[in-house]
Amino acid sequence: MGTDIHGWTERNVKGRWIAVAKLTSPHGHARNYKRFAALAGVRGEGPVPRGLPVDIADTTKYHVDDWGADGYCHSWLPLAEALLIFQQTERHSDTVTLRSHFGLQIDFLAPLDDYRLVFWFDS
């Protein structure tokens, strides 16, 4: 049985986080255990998961709750940090775009610092 990642890209709008795009994989749901380890120590050495942010977006919280006990190692990262990890662990190309995995195209009116990735795993 394998491990999969799930999550949402959230954006801070006037001090409130809203879910703007579901985490996707441009190559189906390919499992990348090197990436999982780099994100939250899942299936390898890496950082301890941070848990869910206290100000999690309602949509993201709904999906976390829907997974219940089957979801584990909940964590989050600023989107810039997550993007760097995705780029460093990409198997299929040399670059990862914001659109390919994070399901969004960031407009230049919103700084990248206004986004984060909230994610979790299941087996």
PDB file of N, CA and C in Angstrom:
ATOM      1  N   MET A   1       0.842  -1.174   0.000  1.00  0.00           N
ATOM      2  CA  MET A   1       0.000   0.000   0.000  1.00  0.00           C
ATOM      3  C   MET A   1       0.891   1.242   0.000  1.00  0.00           C
ATOM      4  N   GLY A   2       0.542   2.235  -0.805  1.00  0.00           N
ATOM      5  CA  GLY A   2       1.371   3.424  -0.934  1.00  0.00           C
ATOM      6  C   GLY A   2       0.806   4.614  -0.191  1.00  0.00           C
ATOM      7  N   THR A   3       1.588   5.647  -0.175  1.00  0.00           N
ATOM      8  CA  THR A   3       1.223   6.900   0.474  1.00  0.00           C
ATOM      9  C   THR A   3       0.932   7.946  -0.588  1.00  0.00           C
ATOM     10  N   ASP A   4      -0.105   8.732  -0.377  1.00  0.00           N
ATOM     11  CA  ASP A   4      -0.472   9.824  -1.274  1.00  0.00           C
ATOM     12  C   ASP A   4      -0.512  11.132  -0.498  1.00  0.00           C
ATOM     13  N   ILE A   5      -0.345  12.240  -1.222  1.00  0.00           N
ATOM     14  CA  ILE A   5      -0.408  13.570  -0.624  1.00  0.00           C
ATOM     15  C   ILE A   5      -1.697  14.255  -1.065  1.00  0.00           C
ATOM     16  N   HIS A   6      -2.244  15.050  -0.185  1.00  0.00           N
ATOM     17  CA  HIS A   6      -3.448  15.838  -0.450  1.00  0.00           C
ATOM     18  C   HIS A   6      -3.216  17.234   0.110  1.00  0.00           C
ATOM     19  N   GLY A   7      -3.882  18.217  -0.436  1.00  0.00           N
ATOM     20  CA  GLY A   7      -3.725  19.545   0.133  1.00  0.00           C
ATOM     21  C   GLY A   7      -4.387  20.636  -0.685  1.00  0.00           C
ATOM     22  N   TRP A   8      -4.263  21.837  -0.158  1.00  0.00           N
ATOM     23  CA  TRP A   8      -4.840  23.030  -0.776  1.00  0.00           C
ATOM     24  C   TRP A   8      -3.856  24.185  -0.725  1.00  0.00           C
ATOM     25  N   THR A   9      -3.839  24.954  -1.782  1.00  0.00           N
ATOM     26  CA  THR A   9      -3.143  26.228  -1.772  1.00  0.00           C
ATOM     27  C   THR A   9      -4.109  27.242  -1.187  1.00  0.00           C
ATOM     28  N   GLU A  10      -3.645  27.989  -0.201  1.00  0.00           N
ATOM     29  CA  GLU A  10      -4.471  29.027   0.428  1.00  0.00           C
ATOM     30  C   GLU A  10      -3.842  30.390   0.179  1.00  0.00           C
ATOM     31  N   ARG A  11      -4.711  31.403   0.157  1.00  0.00           N
ATOM     32  CA  ARG A  11      -4.252  32.785  -0.025  1.00  0.00           C
ATOM     33  C   ARG A  11      -4.785  33.637   1.121  1.00  0.00           C
ATOM     34  N   ASN A  12      -3.925  34.502   1.616  1.00  0.00           N
ATOM     35  CA  ASN A  12      -4.325  35.434   2.667  1.00  0.00           C
ATOM     36  C   ASN A  12      -4.939  36.668   2.008  1.00  0.00           C
ATOM     37  N   VAL A  13      -6.221  36.858   2.287  1.00  0.00           N
ATOM     38  CA  VAL A  13      -6.946  38.008   1.747  1.00  0.00           C
ATOM     39  C   VAL A  13      -7.463  38.824   2.926  1.00  0.00           C
ATOM     40  N   LYS A  14      -6.872  39.983   3.111  1.00  0.00           N
ATOM     41  CA  LYS A  14      -7.262  40.886   4.197  1.00  0.00           C
ATOM     42  C   LYS A  14      -7.256  40.195   5.560  1.00  0.00           C
ATOM     43  N   GLY A  15      -6.207  39.387   5.798  1.00  0.00           N
ATOM     44  CA  GLY A  15      -6.042  38.754   7.101  1.00  0.00           C
ATOM     45  C   GLY A  15      -6.782  37.441   7.283  1.00  0.00           C
ATOM     46  N   ARG A  16      -7.470  36.975   6.251  1.00  0.00           N
ATOM     47  CA  ARG A  16      -8.207  35.707   6.345  1.00  0.00           C
ATOM     48  C   ARG A  16      -7.727  34.770   5.246  1.00  0.00           C
ATOM     49  N   TRP A  17      -7.441  33.539   5.612  1.00  0.00           N
ATOM     50  CA  TRP A  17      -6.979  32.550   4.642  1.00  0.00           C
ATOM     51  C   TRP A  17      -8.162  31.910   3.934  1.00  0.00           C
ATOM     52  N   ILE A  18      -8.067  31.839   2.606  1.00  0.00           N
ATOM     53  CA  ILE A  18      -9.103  31.175   1.808  1.00  0.00           C
ATOM     54  C   ILE A  18      -8.428  30.140   0.912  1.00  0.00           C
ATOM     55  N   ALA A  19      -9.092  29.018   0.704  1.00  0.00           N
ATOM     56  CA  ALA A  19      -8.573  27.979  -0.191  1.00  0.00           C
ATOM     57  C   ALA A  19      -8.811  28.432  -1.627  1.00  0.00           C
ATOM     58  N   VAL A  20      -7.755  28.400  -2.439  1.00  0.00           N
ATOM     59  CA  VAL A  20      -7.896  28.866  -3.816  1.00  0.00           C
ATOM     60  C   VAL A  20      -7.657  27.770  -4.846  1.00  0.00           C
ATOM     61  N   ALA A  21      -6.968  26.696  -4.489  1.00  0.00           N
ATOM     62  CA  ALA A  21      -6.721  25.630  -5.457  1.00  0.00           C
ATOM     63  C   ALA A  21      -6.302  24.352  -4.748  1.00  0.00           C
ATOM     64  N   LYS A  22      -6.824  23.247  -5.250  1.00  0.00           N
ATOM     65  CA  LYS A  22      -6.472  21.939  -4.715  1.00  0.00           C
ATOM     66  C   LYS A  22      -5.112  21.508  -5.257  1.00  0.00           C
ATOM     67  N   LEU A  23      -4.302  20.872  -4.421  1.00  0.00           N
ATOM     68  CA  LEU A  23      -3.013  20.345  -4.836  1.00  0.00           C
ATOM     69  C   LEU A  23      -3.254  19.258  -5.876  1.00  0.00           C
ATOM     70  N   THR A  24      -2.565  19.351  -7.005  1.00  0.00           N
ATOM     71  CA  THR A  24      -2.743  18.388  -8.082  1.00  0.00           C
ATOM     72  C   THR A  24      -1.392  17.862  -8.536  1.00  0.00           C
ATOM     73  N   SER A  25      -1.425  16.823  -9.335  1.00  0.00           N
ATOM     74  CA  SER A  25      -0.209  16.298  -9.934  1.00  0.00           C
ATOM     75  C   SER A  25      -0.400  16.280 -11.441  1.00  0.00           C
ATOM     76  N   PRO A  26       0.491  16.915 -12.183  1.00  0.00           N
ATOM     77  CA  PRO A  26       0.344  16.933 -13.633  1.00  0.00           C
ATOM     78  C   PRO A  26       0.576  15.565 -14.265  1.00  0.00           C
ATOM     79  N   HIS A  27       1.070  14.619 -13.496  1.00  0.00           N
ATOM     80  CA  HIS A  27       1.373  13.282 -14.009  1.00  0.00           C
ATOM     81  C   HIS A  27       0.521  12.242 -13.287  1.00  0.00           C
ATOM     82  N   GLY A  28      -0.742  12.553 -13.060  1.00  0.00           N
ATOM     83  CA  GLY A  28      -1.580  11.674 -12.269  1.00  0.00           C
ATOM     84  C   GLY A  28      -1.199  11.808 -10.810  1.00  0.00           C
ATOM     85  N   HIS A  29      -1.471  10.828 -10.043  1.00  0.00           N
ATOM     86  CA  HIS A  29      -1.132  10.883  -8.622  1.00  0.00           C
ATOM     87  C   HIS A  29       0.141  10.094  -8.358  1.00  0.00           C
ATOM     88  N   ALA A  30       1.197  10.455  -9.086  1.00  0.00           N
ATOM     89  CA  ALA A  30       2.491   9.802  -8.910  1.00  0.00           C
ATOM     90  C   ALA A  30       2.994  10.017  -7.488  1.00  0.00           C
ATOM     91  N   ARG A  31       3.433   8.957  -6.889  1.00  0.00           N
ATOM     92  CA  ARG A  31       3.983   9.043  -5.535  1.00  0.00           C
ATOM     93  C   ARG A  31       5.451   9.421  -5.627  1.00  0.00           C
ATOM     94  N   ASN A  32       5.838  10.404  -4.861  1.00  0.00           N
ATOM     95  CA  ASN A  32       7.215  10.871  -4.879  1.00  0.00           C
ATOM     96  C   ASN A  32       7.687  10.904  -3.423  1.00  0.00           C
ATOM     97  N   TYR A  33       8.242   9.789  -2.981  1.00  0.00           N
ATOM     98  CA  TYR A  33       8.600   9.661  -1.571  1.00  0.00           C
ATOM     99  C   TYR A  33       9.770  10.555  -1.184  1.00  0.00           C
ATOM    100  N   LYS A  34      10.627  10.897  -2.124  1.00  0.00           N
ATOM    101  CA  LYS A  34      11.687  11.864  -1.836  1.00  0.00           C
ATOM    102  C   LYS A  34      11.046  13.213  -1.480  1.00  0.00           C
ATOM    103  N   ARG A  35      10.025  13.598  -2.231  1.00  0.00           N
ATOM    104  CA  ARG A  35       9.300  14.847  -1.961  1.00  0.00           C
ATOM    105  C   ARG A  35       8.576  14.770  -0.617  1.00  0.00           C
ATOM    106  N   PHE A  36       7.909  13.666  -0.365  1.00  0.00           N
ATOM    107  CA  PHE A  36       7.158  13.527   0.881  1.00  0.00           C
ATOM    108  C   PHE A  36       8.083  13.650   2.096  1.00  0.00           C
ATOM    109  N   ALA A  37       9.273  13.060   1.986  1.00  0.00           N
ATOM    110  CA  ALA A  37      10.249  13.165   3.067  1.00  0.00           C
ATOM    111  C   ALA A  37      10.708  14.602   3.241  1.00  0.00           C
ATOM    112  N   ALA A  38      10.971  15.290   2.138  1.00  0.00           N
ATOM    113  CA  ALA A  38      11.446  16.681   2.210  1.00  0.00           C
ATOM    114  C   ALA A  38      10.383  17.623   2.767  1.00  0.00           C
ATOM    115  N   LEU A  39       9.118  17.323   2.522  1.00  0.00           N
ATOM    116  CA  LEU A  39       8.033  18.176   3.003  1.00  0.00           C
ATOM    117  C   LEU A  39       7.750  17.978   4.490  1.00  0.00           C
ATOM    118  N   ALA A  40       7.693  16.698   4.918  1.00  0.00           N
ATOM    119  CA  ALA A  40       7.234  16.449   6.288  1.00  0.00           C
ATOM    120  C   ALA A  40       7.765  15.152   6.888  1.00  0.00           C
ATOM    121  N   GLY A  41       8.913  14.689   6.419  1.00  0.00           N
ATOM    122  CA  GLY A  41       9.487  13.485   7.001  1.00  0.00           C
ATOM    123  C   GLY A  41       8.656  12.234   6.786  1.00  0.00           C
ATOM    124  N   VAL A  42       7.835  12.203   5.747  1.00  0.00           N
ATOM    125  CA  VAL A  42       6.986  11.045   5.452  1.00  0.00           C
ATOM    126  C   VAL A  42       7.722  10.135   4.470  1.00  0.00           C
ATOM    127  N   ARG A  43       7.897   8.879   4.835  1.00  0.00           N
ATOM    128  CA  ARG A  43       8.588   7.888   4.018  1.00  0.00           C
ATOM    129  C   ARG A  43      10.070   8.203   3.839  1.00  0.00           C
ATOM    130  N   GLY A  44      10.654   8.896   4.809  1.00  0.00           N
ATOM    131  CA  GLY A  44      12.076   9.203   4.749  1.00  0.00           C
ATOM    132  C   GLY A  44      12.434  10.271   5.757  1.00  0.00           C
ATOM    133  N   GLU A  45      13.720  10.608   5.796  1.00  0.00           N
ATOM    134  CA  GLU A  45      14.205  11.632   6.722  1.00  0.00           C
ATOM    135  C   GLU A  45      13.764  13.012   6.262  1.00  0.00           C
ATOM    136  N   GLY A  46      13.328  13.818   7.208  1.00  0.00           N
ATOM    137  CA  GLY A  46      12.912  15.163   6.878  1.00  0.00           C
ATOM    138  C   GLY A  46      12.366  15.876   8.095  1.00  0.00           C
ATOM    139  N   PRO A  47      11.800  17.048   7.882  1.00  0.00           N
ATOM    140  CA  PRO A  47      11.302  17.837   9.005  1.00  0.00           C
ATOM    141  C   PRO A  47      10.067  17.205   9.653  1.00  0.00           C
ATOM    142  N   VAL A  48       9.861  17.561  10.889  1.00  0.00           N
ATOM    143  CA  VAL A  48       8.661  17.129  11.611  1.00  0.00           C
ATOM    144  C   VAL A  48       7.482  17.934  11.072  1.00  0.00           C
ATOM    145  N   PRO A  49       6.344  17.282  10.787  1.00  0.00           N
ATOM    146  CA  PRO A  49       5.175  18.029  10.313  1.00  0.00           C
ATOM    147  C   PRO A  49       4.776  19.118  11.303  1.00  0.00           C
ATOM    148  N   ARG A  50       4.337  20.244  10.801  1.00  0.00           N
ATOM    149  CA  ARG A  50       3.970  21.403  11.635  1.00  0.00           C
ATOM    150  C   ARG A  50       2.569  21.309  12.231  1.00  0.00           C
ATOM    151  N   GLY A  51       1.754  20.406  11.748  1.00  0.00           N
ATOM    152  CA  GLY A  51       0.349  20.388  12.141  1.00  0.00           C
ATOM    153  C   GLY A  51      -0.418  21.380  11.277  1.00  0.00           C
ATOM    154  N   LEU A  52      -1.688  21.480  11.541  1.00  0.00           N
ATOM    155  CA  LEU A  52      -2.521  22.410  10.771  1.00  0.00           C
ATOM    156  C   LEU A  52      -2.387  23.826  11.312  1.00  0.00           C
ATOM    157  N   PRO A  53      -2.431  24.820  10.445  1.00  0.00           N
ATOM    158  CA  PRO A  53      -2.400  26.205  10.939  1.00  0.00           C
ATOM    159  C   PRO A  53      -3.680  26.511  11.718  1.00  0.00           C
ATOM    160  N   VAL A  54      -3.573  27.324  12.741  1.00  0.00           N
ATOM    161  CA  VAL A  54      -4.746  27.652  13.554  1.00  0.00           C
ATOM    162  C   VAL A  54      -5.776  28.448  12.757  1.00  0.00           C
ATOM    163  N   ASP A  55      -5.323  29.145  11.730  1.00  0.00           N
ATOM    164  CA  ASP A  55      -6.226  29.963  10.922  1.00  0.00           C
ATOM    165  C   ASP A  55      -6.504  29.330   9.555  1.00  0.00           C
ATOM    166  N   ILE A  56      -6.602  28.010   9.531  1.00  0.00           N
ATOM    167  CA  ILE A  56      -6.831  27.254   8.306  1.00  0.00           C
ATOM    168  C   ILE A  56      -8.114  27.721   7.603  1.00  0.00           C
ATOM    169  N   ALA A  57      -8.098  27.696   6.279  1.00  0.00           N
ATOM    170  CA  ALA A  57      -9.277  28.078   5.495  1.00  0.00           C
ATOM    171  C   ALA A  57     -10.402  27.062   5.711  1.00  0.00           C
ATOM    172  N   ASP A  58     -11.628  27.530   5.659  1.00  0.00           N
ATOM    173  CA  ASP A  58     -12.793  26.661   5.878  1.00  0.00           C
ATOM    174  C   ASP A  58     -12.825  25.487   4.901  1.00  0.00           C
ATOM    175  N   THR A  59     -12.556  25.731   3.636  1.00  0.00           N
ATOM    176  CA  THR A  59     -12.587  24.661   2.635  1.00  0.00           C
ATOM    177  C   THR A  59     -11.520  23.614   2.929  1.00  0.00           C
ATOM    178  N   THR A  60     -10.322  24.055   3.259  1.00  0.00           N
ATOM    179  CA  THR A  60      -9.252  23.120   3.579  1.00  0.00           C
ATOM    180  C   THR A  60      -9.626  22.303   4.804  1.00  0.00           C
ATOM    181  N   LYS A  61     -10.147  22.957   5.831  1.00  0.00           N
ATOM    182  CA  LYS A  61     -10.553  22.259   7.057  1.00  0.00           C
ATOM    183  C   LYS A  61     -11.617  21.207   6.764  1.00  0.00           C
ATOM    184  N   TYR A  62     -12.545  21.536   5.888  1.00  0.00           N
ATOM    185  CA  TYR A  62     -13.587  20.576   5.505  1.00  0.00           C
ATOM    186  C   TYR A  62     -12.948  19.305   4.933  1.00  0.00           C
ATOM    187  N   HIS A  63     -11.976  19.472   4.046  1.00  0.00           N
ATOM    188  CA  HIS A  63     -11.333  18.319   3.424  1.00  0.00           C
ATOM    189  C   HIS A  63     -10.454  17.549   4.411  1.00  0.00           C
ATOM    190  N   VAL A  64      -9.800  18.248   5.308  1.00  0.00           N
ATOM    191  CA  VAL A  64      -9.028  17.574   6.362  1.00  0.00           C
ATOM    192  C   VAL A  64      -9.974  16.724   7.210  1.00  0.00           C
ATOM    193  N   ASP A  65     -11.082  17.312   7.625  1.00  0.00           N
ATOM    194  CA  ASP A  65     -12.055  16.587   8.450  1.00  0.00           C
ATOM    195  C   ASP A  65     -12.652  15.399   7.706  1.00  0.00           C
ATOM    196  N   ASP A  66     -12.849  15.557   6.401  1.00  0.00           N
ATOM    197  CA  ASP A  66     -13.416  14.482   5.591  1.00  0.00           C
ATOM    198  C   ASP A  66     -12.487  13.265   5.558  1.00  0.00           C
ATOM    199  N   TRP A  67     -11.169  13.484   5.582  1.00  0.00           N
ATOM    200  CA  TRP A  67     -10.224  12.382   5.626  1.00  0.00           C
ATOM    201  C   TRP A  67     -10.192  11.722   6.998  1.00  0.00           C
ATOM    202  N   GLY A  68     -10.540  12.478   8.033  1.00  0.00           N
ATOM    203  CA  GLY A  68     -10.576  11.919   9.384  1.00  0.00           C
ATOM    204  C   GLY A  68      -9.267  11.273   9.774  1.00  0.00           C
ATOM    205  N   ALA A  69      -9.362  10.105  10.416  1.00  0.00           N
ATOM    206  CA  ALA A  69      -8.177   9.407  10.921  1.00  0.00           C
ATOM    207  C   ALA A  69      -7.312   8.832   9.803  1.00  0.00           C
ATOM    208  N   ASP A  70      -7.828   8.783   8.569  1.00  0.00           N
ATOM    209  CA  ASP A  70      -7.029   8.285   7.449  1.00  0.00           C
ATOM    210  C   ASP A  70      -5.996   9.310   6.976  1.00  0.00           C
ATOM    211  N   GLY A  71      -6.171  10.569   7.340  1.00  0.00           N
ATOM    212  CA  GLY A  71      -5.194  11.603   7.011  1.00  0.00           C
ATOM    213  C   GLY A  71      -4.217  11.761   8.170  1.00  0.00           C
ATOM    214  N   TYR A  72      -2.946  11.930   7.865  1.00  0.00           N
ATOM    215  CA  TYR A  72      -1.945  12.077   8.926  1.00  0.00           C
ATOM    216  C   TYR A  72      -0.804  12.981   8.464  1.00  0.00           C
ATOM    217  N   CYS A  73       0.069  13.310   9.388  1.00  0.00           N
ATOM    218  CA  CYS A  73       1.228  14.183   9.136  1.00  0.00           C
ATOM    219  C   CYS A  73       0.795  15.490   8.478  1.00  0.00           C
ATOM    220  N   HIS A  74      -0.210  16.128   9.052  1.00  0.00           N
ATOM    221  CA  HIS A  74      -0.695  17.410   8.555  1.00  0.00           C
ATOM    222  C   HIS A  74       0.388  18.467   8.733  1.00  0.00           C
ATOM    223  N   SER A  75       0.549  19.292   7.708  1.00  0.00           N
ATOM    224  CA  SER A  75       1.568  20.323   7.778  1.00  0.00           C
ATOM    225  C   SER A  75       1.229  21.445   6.808  1.00  0.00           C
ATOM    226  N   TRP A  76       2.057  22.466   6.828  1.00  0.00           N
ATOM    227  CA  TRP A  76       1.888  23.595   5.903  1.00  0.00           C
ATOM    228  C   TRP A  76       3.236  24.269   5.711  1.00  0.00           C
ATOM    229  N   LEU A  77       3.353  24.937   4.577  1.00  0.00           N
ATOM    230  CA  LEU A  77       4.563  25.694   4.264  1.00  0.00           C
ATOM    231  C   LEU A  77       4.175  26.934   3.472  1.00  0.00           C
ATOM    232  N   PRO A  78       4.936  28.009   3.619  1.00  0.00           N
ATOM    233  CA  PRO A  78       4.738  29.112   2.692  1.00  0.00           C
ATOM    234  C   PRO A  78       4.923  28.568   1.274  1.00  0.00           C
ATOM    235  N   LEU A  79       4.131  29.050   0.338  1.00  0.00           N
ATOM    236  CA  LEU A  79       4.151  28.489  -1.004  1.00  0.00           C
ATOM    237  C   LEU A  79       5.529  28.576  -1.649  1.00  0.00           C
ATOM    238  N   ALA A  80       6.280  29.621  -1.381  1.00  0.00           N
ATOM    239  CA  ALA A  80       7.632  29.738  -1.952  1.00  0.00           C
ATOM    240  C   ALA A  80       8.517  28.577  -1.492  1.00  0.00           C
ATOM    241  N   GLU A  81       8.418  28.183  -0.224  1.00  0.00           N
ATOM    242  CA  GLU A  81       9.203  27.058   0.290  1.00  0.00           C
ATOM    243  C   GLU A  81       8.733  25.743  -0.324  1.00  0.00           C
ATOM    244  N   ALA A  82       7.416  25.571  -0.426  1.00  0.00           N
ATOM    245  CA  ALA A  82       6.873  24.355  -1.026  1.00  0.00           C
ATOM    246  C   ALA A  82       7.297  24.246  -2.492  1.00  0.00           C
ATOM    247  N   LEU A  83       7.254  25.353  -3.213  1.00  0.00           N
ATOM    248  CA  LEU A  83       7.638  25.356  -4.618  1.00  0.00           C
ATOM    249  C   LEU A  83       9.098  24.926  -4.777  1.00  0.00           C
ATOM    250  N   LEU A  84       9.963  25.418  -3.911  1.00  0.00           N
ATOM    251  CA  LEU A  84      11.372  25.042  -3.965  1.00  0.00           C
ATOM    252  C   LEU A  84      11.540  23.533  -3.758  1.00  0.00           C
ATOM    253  N   ILE A  85      10.837  22.973  -2.788  1.00  0.00           N
ATOM    254  CA  ILE A  85      10.908  21.529  -2.537  1.00  0.00           C
ATOM    255  C   ILE A  85      10.374  20.761  -3.740  1.00  0.00           C
ATOM    256  N   PHE A  86       9.265  21.206  -4.308  1.00  0.00           N
ATOM    257  CA  PHE A  86       8.711  20.527  -5.477  1.00  0.00           C
ATOM    258  C   PHE A  86       9.699  20.579  -6.646  1.00  0.00           C
ATOM    259  N   GLN A  87      10.351  21.716  -6.842  1.00  0.00           N
ATOM    260  CA  GLN A  87      11.335  21.828  -7.926  1.00  0.00           C
ATOM    261  C   GLN A  87      12.520  20.897  -7.692  1.00  0.00           C
ATOM    262  N   GLN A  88      12.987  20.829  -6.463  1.00  0.00           N
ATOM    263  CA  GLN A  88      14.157  20.008  -6.143  1.00  0.00           C
ATOM    264  C   GLN A  88      13.867  18.516  -6.221  1.00  0.00           C
ATOM    265  N   THR A  89      12.609  18.124  -6.117  1.00  0.00           N
ATOM    266  CA  THR A  89      12.250  16.701  -6.104  1.00  0.00           C
ATOM    267  C   THR A  89      11.445  16.294  -7.337  1.00  0.00           C
ATOM    268  N   GLU A  90      11.389  17.144  -8.347  1.00  0.00           N
ATOM    269  CA  GLU A  90      10.622  16.840  -9.562  1.00  0.00           C
ATOM    270  C   GLU A  90      11.302  15.724 -10.341  1.00  0.00           C
ATOM    271  N   ARG A  91      10.525  14.750 -10.787  1.00  0.00           N
ATOM    272  CA  ARG A  91      11.056  13.613 -11.536  1.00  0.00           C
ATOM    273  C   ARG A  91      10.916  13.776 -13.046  1.00  0.00           C
ATOM    274  N   HIS A  92       9.906  14.512 -13.481  1.00  0.00           N
ATOM    275  CA  HIS A  92       9.526  14.478 -14.889  1.00  0.00           C
ATOM    276  C   HIS A  92      10.008  15.652 -15.720  1.00  0.00           C
ATOM    277  N   SER A  93      10.490  16.691 -15.095  1.00  0.00           N
ATOM    278  CA  SER A  93      10.990  17.833 -15.848  1.00  0.00           C
ATOM    279  C   SER A  93      11.911  18.648 -14.953  1.00  0.00           C
ATOM    280  N   ASP A  94      12.532  19.625 -15.539  1.00  0.00           N
ATOM    281  CA  ASP A  94      13.458  20.452 -14.781  1.00  0.00           C
ATOM    282  C   ASP A  94      12.772  21.562 -14.001  1.00  0.00           C
ATOM    283  N   THR A  95      11.525  21.848 -14.324  1.00  0.00           N
ATOM    284  CA  THR A  95      10.844  22.954 -13.647  1.00  0.00           C
ATOM    285  C   THR A  95       9.468  22.539 -13.189  1.00  0.00           C
ATOM    286  N   VAL A  96       9.037  23.152 -12.139  1.00  0.00           N
ATOM    287  CA  VAL A  96       7.684  22.994 -11.628  1.00  0.00           C
ATOM    288  C   VAL A  96       7.054  24.368 -11.686  1.00  0.00           C
ATOM    289  N   THR A  97       5.892  24.458 -12.259  1.00  0.00           N
ATOM    290  CA  THR A  97       5.214  25.740 -12.315  1.00  0.00           C
ATOM    291  C   THR A  97       4.162  25.812 -11.220  1.00  0.00           C
ATOM    292  N   LEU A  98       3.801  27.012 -10.881  1.00  0.00           N
ATOM    293  CA  LEU A  98       2.738  27.188  -9.887  1.00  0.00           C
ATOM    294  C   LEU A  98       1.451  26.537 -10.374  1.00  0.00           C
ATOM    295  N   ARG A  99       1.197  26.614 -11.638  1.00  0.00           N
ATOM    296  CA  ARG A  99      -0.034  26.052 -12.174  1.00  0.00           C
ATOM    297  C   ARG A  99      -0.013  24.527 -12.185  1.00  0.00           C
ATOM    298  N   SER A 100       1.121  23.899 -12.484  1.00  0.00           N
ATOM    299  CA  SER A 100       1.146  22.452 -12.664  1.00  0.00           C
ATOM    300  C   SER A 100       0.814  21.674 -11.398  1.00  0.00           C
ATOM    301  N   HIS A 101       1.282  22.082 -10.260  1.00  0.00           N
ATOM    302  CA  HIS A 101       1.010  21.352  -9.019  1.00  0.00           C
ATOM    303  C   HIS A 101       0.042  22.077  -8.101  1.00  0.00           C
ATOM    304  N   PHE A 102       0.139  23.391  -8.073  1.00  0.00           N
ATOM    305  CA  PHE A 102      -0.614  24.144  -7.083  1.00  0.00           C
ATOM    306  C   PHE A 102      -1.928  24.658  -7.633  1.00  0.00           C
ATOM    307  N   GLY A 103      -2.225  24.318  -8.892  1.00  0.00           N
ATOM    308  CA  GLY A 103      -3.527  24.570  -9.473  1.00  0.00           C
ATOM    309  C   GLY A 103      -3.897  26.032  -9.620  1.00  0.00           C
ATOM    310  N   LEU A 104      -2.933  26.906  -9.719  1.00  0.00           N
ATOM    311  CA  LEU A 104      -3.283  28.308  -9.814  1.00  0.00           C
ATOM    312  C   LEU A 104      -2.253  29.089 -10.588  1.00  0.00           C
ATOM    313  N   GLN A 105      -2.688  30.201 -11.037  1.00  0.00           N
ATOM    314  CA  GLN A 105      -1.785  31.150 -11.690  1.00  0.00           C
ATOM    315  C   GLN A 105      -1.847  32.412 -10.846  1.00  0.00           C
ATOM    316  N   ILE A 106      -0.759  32.715 -10.187  1.00  0.00           N
ATOM    317  CA  ILE A 106      -0.741  33.845  -9.267  1.00  0.00           C
ATOM    318  C   ILE A 106      -0.663  35.137 -10.061  1.00  0.00           C
ATOM    319  N   ASP A 107      -1.576  36.037  -9.765  1.00  0.00           N
ATOM    320  CA  ASP A 107      -1.499  37.343 -10.411  1.00  0.00           C
ATOM    321  C   ASP A 107      -0.401  38.152  -9.722  1.00  0.00           C
ATOM    322  N   PHE A 108       0.133  39.104 -10.423  1.00  0.00           N
ATOM    323  CA  PHE A 108       1.254  39.849  -9.883  1.00  0.00           C
ATOM    324  C   PHE A 108       0.827  40.918  -8.882  1.00  0.00           C
ATOM    325  N   LEU A 109      -0.465  41.031  -8.629  1.00  0.00           N
ATOM    326  CA  LEU A 109      -0.938  41.962  -7.612  1.00  0.00           C
ATOM    327  C   LEU A 109      -0.820  41.356  -6.219  1.00  0.00           C
ATOM    328  N   ALA A 110      -0.744  40.034  -6.167  1.00  0.00           N
ATOM    329  CA  ALA A 110      -0.639  39.352  -4.874  1.00  0.00           C
ATOM    330  C   ALA A 110       0.768  38.784  -4.734  1.00  0.00           C
ATOM    331  N   PRO A 111       1.514  39.209  -3.728  1.00  0.00           N
ATOM    332  CA  PRO A 111       2.866  38.666  -3.532  1.00  0.00           C
ATOM    333  C   PRO A 111       2.831  37.181  -3.195  1.00  0.00           C
ATOM    334  N   LEU A 112       3.854  36.466  -3.587  1.00  0.00           N
ATOM    335  CA  LEU A 112       3.940  35.042  -3.305  1.00  0.00           C
ATOM    336  C   LEU A 112       3.826  34.770  -1.807  1.00  0.00           C
ATOM    337  N   ASP A 113       4.260  35.718  -0.982  1.00  0.00           N
ATOM    338  CA  ASP A 113       4.169  35.566   0.475  1.00  0.00           C
ATOM    339  C   ASP A 113       2.735  35.470   0.975  1.00  0.00           C
ATOM    340  N   ASP A 114       1.767  35.833   0.149  1.00  0.00           N
ATOM    341  CA  ASP A 114       0.357  35.757   0.541  1.00  0.00           C
ATOM    342  C   ASP A 114      -0.232  34.362   0.355  1.00  0.00           C
ATOM    343  N   TYR A 115       0.591  33.389  -0.051  1.00  0.00           N
ATOM    344  CA  TYR A 115       0.113  32.038  -0.319  1.00  0.00           C
ATOM    345  C   TYR A 115       0.847  31.026   0.558  1.00  0.00           C
ATOM    346  N   ARG A 116       0.142  29.943   0.852  1.00  0.00           N
ATOM    347  CA  ARG A 116       0.768  28.828   1.563  1.00  0.00           C
ATOM    348  C   ARG A 116       0.147  27.528   1.061  1.00  0.00           C
ATOM    349  N   LEU A 117       0.840  26.435   1.302  1.00  0.00           N
ATOM    350  CA  LEU A 117       0.335  25.114   0.977  1.00  0.00           C
ATOM    351  C   LEU A 117       0.051  24.387   2.283  1.00  0.00           C
ATOM    352  N   VAL A 118      -1.183  23.913   2.449  1.00  0.00           N
ATOM    353  CA  VAL A 118      -1.575  23.097   3.595  1.00  0.00           C
ATOM    354  C   VAL A 118      -1.767  21.685   3.046  1.00  0.00           C
ATOM    355  N   PHE A 119      -1.121  20.698   3.652  1.00  0.00           N
ATOM    356  CA  PHE A 119      -1.136  19.356   3.073  1.00  0.00           C
ATOM    357  C   PHE A 119      -1.134  18.282   4.152  1.00  0.00           C
ATOM    358  N   TRP A 120      -1.471  17.066   3.720  1.00  0.00           N
ATOM    359  CA  TRP A 120      -1.483  15.889   4.596  1.00  0.00           C
ATOM    360  C   TRP A 120      -1.328  14.657   3.711  1.00  0.00           C
ATOM    361  N   PHE A 121      -1.202  13.508   4.340  1.00  0.00           N
ATOM    362  CA  PHE A 121      -0.925  12.266   3.634  1.00  0.00           C
ATOM    363  C   PHE A 121      -1.940  11.209   4.038  1.00  0.00           C
ATOM    364  N   ASP A 122      -2.035  10.180   3.192  1.00  0.00           N
ATOM    365  CA  ASP A 122      -2.819   8.996   3.554  1.00  0.00           C
ATOM    366  C   ASP A 122      -2.108   7.772   3.009  1.00  0.00           C
ATOM    367  N   SER A 123      -2.428   6.631   3.577  1.00  0.00           N
ATOM    368  CA  SER A 123      -1.810   5.359   3.102  1.00  0.00           C
ATOM    369  C   SER A 123      -2.884   4.403   2.688  1.00  0.00           C
TER     370      SER A 123
END
